[in-house]
Amino acid sequence: MAGVQLTSLRHGIAARAKARHAKRKAEREAAAKKAAEEATIKPCSFTIVSGLPRSGTSLMMQMLRAAGMDLMHDGKREADEDNLEGYWEWEEIKSLKKNPRLIEQADGKVIKVISALLPQLPPRHHYRLIFMKRPVEEVVDSQWKMIERRGQNPVSEKQHLIQTQQTHAEQTLAQLRQCKNVDLIEIDYPEMVANPGSQLDALKTFLGETAPKPEKLTQAIRPDLHRNKAS
């Protein structure tokens, strides 16, 4: 009986080892296939507007549009009480993880990408990235009021959201500052609305010739829409 049990144990160990080997082999083959596919991708260039939700990304999209830049958007998310001038989003970008090549459709255009999706951007391309910064307390207050207006319940306590999003924003910016394929500018949303001068000078320099009409950037700025201000 002991001999039978020992033989069974050995067979089990061998089977598990074989399964692990097969799994590692499949992972190596998948990685090699992905690398081969990426090697065939023609590098593209994009202007990305990013930040936490409710951090001023829609305003920046409106500003770049006023400056003559071509936006990648589908109009599916219409203007509403929370964003009177529209969202300027491209719904398909949310599928970037499943289909990283879809971004090639927007070569040379401006895309709005929330900060949580930035790690999914294919590394083969070059990104000119505008990151909108806003006090996290303002961001969460704005998100909170949007949720309430829709009759929904928050999924977490407000203070927890503030801490979580603050950490996320800091970690995201730290990573972006190290990316060799990312040219980064950080724009302070409240400062840009209240005193556009210095922020816009830096933005114009950053955009360079990609913005045909940089003098029109200010046309989209409406201080009255800076609601939920930090006290």
Protein backbone atom coordinates (compact mmCIF):
# COMPACT_ATOMS: atom_id res chain seq x y z
CA MET A 1 0.00 0.00 0.00
CA ALA A 2 2.82 2.39 0.91
CA GLY A 3 4.47 1.69 -2.44
CA VAL A 4 1.27 2.54 -4.30
CA GLN A 5 0.89 5.80 -2.37
CA LEU A 6 4.51 6.76 -3.07
CA THR A 7 4.08 6.06 -6.77
CA SER A 8 0.89 8.12 -6.84
CA LEU A 9 2.67 10.98 -5.06
CA ARG A 10 5.50 10.91 -7.58
CA HIS A 11 3.06 10.94 -10.46
CA GLY A 12 1.27 13.92 -8.93
CA ILE A 13 4.52 15.85 -8.50
CA ALA A 14 5.57 15.05 -12.05
CA ALA A 15 2.19 16.14 -13.42
CA ARG A 16 2.34 19.46 -11.57
CA ALA A 17 5.89 20.07 -12.76
CA LYS A 18 4.82 19.32 -16.33
CA ALA A 19 1.89 21.73 -16.01
CA ARG A 20 4.16 24.49 -14.67
CA HIS A 21 6.59 23.93 -17.52
CA ALA A 22 3.77 24.10 -20.08
CA LYS A 23 2.45 27.30 -18.51
CA ARG A 24 5.87 28.98 -18.58
CA LYS A 25 6.36 27.89 -22.18
CA ALA A 26 2.98 29.34 -23.16
CA GLU A 27 3.80 32.61 -21.38
CA ARG A 28 7.16 32.86 -23.18
CA GLU A 29 5.52 32.19 -26.53
CA ALA A 30 2.81 34.79 -25.84
CA ALA A 31 5.42 37.36 -24.82
CA ALA A 32 7.49 36.63 -27.94
CA LYS A 33 4.40 36.94 -30.14
CA LYS A 34 3.47 40.26 -28.52
CA ALA A 35 7.03 41.58 -28.96
CA ALA A 36 7.02 40.53 -32.62
CA GLU A 37 3.70 42.27 -33.20
CA GLU A 38 4.88 45.46 -31.47
CA ALA A 39 8.03 45.48 -33.61
CA THR A 40 5.86 45.82 -36.73
CA ILE A 41 3.96 48.83 -35.36
CA LYS A 42 4.89 52.15 -36.91
CA PRO A 43 5.65 54.66 -34.14
CA CYS A 44 3.04 57.41 -33.95
CA SER A 45 2.82 60.71 -32.10
CA PHE A 46 -0.08 61.81 -29.93
CA THR A 47 -1.04 64.71 -27.71
CA ILE A 48 -2.63 63.33 -24.55
CA VAL A 49 -4.73 65.28 -22.05
CA SER A 50 -4.89 63.46 -18.73
CA GLY A 51 -5.48 63.80 -15.02
CA LEU A 52 -7.93 62.63 -12.41
CA PRO A 53 -11.60 62.71 -13.43
CA ARG A 54 -12.93 66.25 -12.77
CA SER A 55 -9.47 67.83 -12.82
CA GLY A 56 -9.98 70.14 -15.81
CA THR A 57 -9.28 67.73 -18.67
CA SER A 58 -12.44 68.71 -20.58
CA LEU A 59 -11.50 72.39 -20.37
CA MET A 60 -8.05 71.65 -21.74
CA MET A 61 -9.59 69.73 -24.65
CA GLN A 62 -11.77 72.77 -25.41
CA MET A 63 -8.72 75.04 -25.27
CA LEU A 64 -6.72 72.89 -27.67
CA ARG A 65 -9.68 72.76 -30.04
CA ALA A 66 -9.89 76.56 -29.96
CA ALA A 67 -6.17 76.66 -30.78
CA GLY A 68 -6.83 74.70 -33.97
CA MET A 69 -5.73 71.25 -32.87
CA ASP A 70 -7.56 68.16 -34.12
CA LEU A 71 -9.35 66.26 -31.34
CA MET A 72 -10.15 62.54 -31.37
CA HIS A 73 -13.68 62.35 -29.97
CA ASP A 74 -17.00 60.74 -30.86
CA GLY A 75 -19.59 63.02 -29.24
CA LYS A 76 -21.26 60.10 -27.47
CA ARG A 77 -21.04 61.77 -24.07
CA GLU A 78 -22.96 64.98 -24.45
CA ALA A 79 -22.71 68.16 -22.41
CA ASP A 80 -24.71 68.15 -19.18
CA GLU A 81 -25.07 70.03 -15.91
CA ASP A 82 -21.72 68.73 -14.70
CA ASN A 83 -19.88 69.78 -17.85
CA LEU A 84 -21.74 72.51 -19.71
CA GLU A 85 -19.20 72.77 -22.54
CA GLY A 86 -18.95 69.04 -23.22
CA TYR A 87 -16.56 66.21 -22.37
CA TRP A 88 -14.74 65.70 -25.70
CA GLU A 89 -14.12 62.00 -25.11
CA TRP A 90 -13.36 59.04 -27.35
CA GLU A 91 -15.20 56.04 -25.92
CA GLU A 92 -13.03 53.43 -27.64
CA ILE A 93 -9.93 54.47 -25.70
CA LYS A 94 -11.38 52.56 -22.74
CA SER A 95 -10.70 49.34 -24.71
CA LEU A 96 -6.99 50.11 -25.03
CA LYS A 97 -5.92 47.18 -22.85
CA LYS A 98 -7.74 44.67 -25.07
CA ASN A 99 -6.80 46.36 -28.33
CA PRO A 100 -3.68 48.55 -27.95
CA ARG A 101 -3.47 49.18 -31.69
CA LEU A 102 -6.75 51.11 -31.77
CA ILE A 103 -4.86 54.22 -30.68
CA GLU A 104 -3.20 54.33 -34.09
CA GLN A 105 -6.49 55.69 -35.44
CA ALA A 106 -5.71 58.92 -33.59
CA ASP A 107 -2.19 59.47 -34.93
CA GLY A 108 -1.38 63.18 -34.76
CA LYS A 109 -4.54 64.03 -32.82
CA VAL A 110 -5.39 65.01 -29.25
CA ILE A 111 -6.87 62.29 -27.04
CA LYS A 112 -8.36 62.59 -23.58
CA VAL A 113 -7.13 59.68 -21.44
CA ILE A 114 -7.92 59.49 -17.72
CA SER A 115 -4.90 58.86 -15.53
CA ALA A 116 -5.97 55.31 -14.63
CA LEU A 117 -5.60 54.29 -18.30
CA LEU A 118 -2.16 55.81 -18.88
CA PRO A 119 -0.27 52.55 -18.11
CA GLN A 120 -2.10 50.97 -21.06
CA LEU A 121 -0.58 53.36 -23.62
CA PRO A 122 1.62 51.33 -26.02
CA PRO A 123 5.28 52.14 -25.28
CA ARG A 124 6.31 52.20 -28.94
CA HIS A 125 4.70 55.59 -29.55
CA HIS A 126 5.65 59.12 -28.52
CA TYR A 127 3.33 61.13 -26.29
CA ARG A 128 3.12 64.85 -25.66
CA LEU A 129 1.21 64.70 -22.38
CA ILE A 130 -0.64 67.51 -20.61
CA PHE A 131 -1.42 66.47 -17.04
CA MET A 132 -4.08 68.56 -15.29
CA LYS A 133 -3.54 69.13 -11.58
CA ARG A 134 -6.27 70.19 -9.18
CA PRO A 135 -6.49 69.94 -5.37
CA VAL A 136 -7.76 66.44 -4.69
CA GLU A 137 -10.35 67.78 -2.26
CA GLU A 138 -11.88 69.78 -5.13
CA VAL A 139 -11.72 66.77 -7.43
CA VAL A 140 -13.52 64.50 -4.97
CA ASP A 141 -16.11 67.17 -4.10
CA SER A 142 -16.87 67.55 -7.80
CA GLN A 143 -17.07 63.77 -8.30
CA TRP A 144 -19.32 63.52 -5.22
CA LYS A 145 -21.79 66.10 -6.52
CA MET A 146 -21.87 64.44 -9.94
CA ILE A 147 -22.73 61.11 -8.30
CA GLU A 148 -25.46 62.72 -6.20
CA ARG A 149 -27.01 64.44 -9.22
CA ARG A 150 -27.27 61.06 -10.92
CA GLY A 151 -29.03 59.55 -7.92
CA GLN A 152 -26.20 57.12 -7.25
CA ASN A 153 -24.45 56.20 -4.02
CA PRO A 154 -20.70 56.75 -3.52
CA VAL A 155 -18.73 53.51 -3.36
CA SER A 156 -16.38 54.78 -0.66
CA GLU A 157 -16.04 57.36 2.11
CA LYS A 158 -14.98 60.79 0.91
CA GLN A 159 -11.79 60.92 2.99
CA HIS A 160 -10.77 57.50 1.72
CA LEU A 161 -11.28 58.67 -1.87
CA ILE A 162 -9.17 61.75 -1.22
CA GLN A 163 -6.30 59.68 0.14
CA THR A 164 -6.55 57.07 -2.61
CA GLN A 165 -6.66 59.57 -5.46
CA GLN A 166 -3.88 61.68 -3.98
CA THR A 167 -1.62 58.62 -3.88
CA HIS A 168 -2.64 57.62 -7.40
CA ALA A 169 -1.89 61.09 -8.80
CA GLU A 170 1.51 61.27 -7.11
CA GLN A 171 2.53 57.80 -8.28
CA THR A 172 1.31 58.46 -11.82
CA LEU A 173 3.27 61.70 -12.12
CA ALA A 174 6.40 60.09 -10.68
CA GLN A 175 6.22 57.40 -13.38
CA LEU A 176 5.49 59.86 -16.18
CA ARG A 177 8.51 61.97 -15.26
CA GLN A 178 10.70 58.92 -15.87
CA CYS A 179 9.20 57.87 -19.22
CA LYS A 180 11.57 58.46 -22.13
CA ASN A 181 8.76 58.44 -24.70
CA VAL A 182 6.71 61.07 -22.84
CA ASP A 183 7.13 64.84 -23.00
CA LEU A 184 5.27 66.07 -19.93
CA ILE A 185 3.80 69.37 -18.82
CA GLU A 186 1.85 69.77 -15.58
CA ILE A 187 -0.90 72.40 -15.62
CA ASP A 188 -2.44 73.77 -12.42
CA TYR A 189 -6.16 74.00 -13.20
CA PRO A 190 -7.21 76.58 -10.56
CA GLU A 191 -4.22 78.78 -11.37
CA MET A 192 -4.88 78.57 -15.10
CA VAL A 193 -8.49 79.65 -14.64
CA ALA A 194 -7.71 82.45 -12.19
CA ASN A 195 -4.46 83.71 -13.71
CA PRO A 196 -3.83 82.15 -17.14
CA GLY A 197 -0.68 84.08 -18.03
CA SER A 198 2.20 81.96 -16.77
CA GLN A 199 0.39 78.66 -17.33
CA LEU A 200 -0.46 79.53 -20.94
CA ASP A 201 3.03 80.79 -21.75
CA ALA A 202 4.44 77.43 -20.69
CA LEU A 203 1.70 75.57 -22.57
CA LYS A 204 2.32 77.50 -25.80
CA THR A 205 6.02 76.69 -25.63
CA PHE A 206 5.23 73.05 -24.92
CA LEU A 207 2.80 72.72 -27.85
CA GLY A 208 5.00 74.57 -30.32
CA GLU A 209 3.89 74.24 -33.93
CA THR A 210 1.28 71.59 -33.11
CA ALA A 211 -1.11 74.39 -32.10
CA PRO A 212 -1.87 76.48 -35.23
CA LYS A 213 -3.62 79.28 -33.28
CA PRO A 214 -2.07 79.42 -29.79
CA GLU A 215 -3.41 82.93 -29.22
CA LYS A 216 -6.92 81.43 -29.04
CA LEU A 217 -6.21 79.09 -26.12
CA THR A 218 -7.82 81.51 -23.67
CA GLN A 219 -11.15 81.61 -25.53
CA ALA A 220 -12.41 78.46 -23.80
CA ILE A 221 -11.55 79.54 -20.25
CA ARG A 222 -14.63 80.38 -18.19
CA PRO A 223 -13.84 81.18 -14.54
CA ASP A 224 -17.53 80.85 -13.65
CA LEU A 225 -17.31 77.12 -14.37
CA HIS A 226 -14.60 76.57 -11.76
CA ARG A 227 -16.98 75.27 -9.13
CA ASN A 228 -16.32 73.16 -6.01
CA LYS A 229 -13.34 75.30 -5.04
CA ALA A 230 -11.11 74.32 -2.13
CA SER A 231 -11.71 76.51 0.89
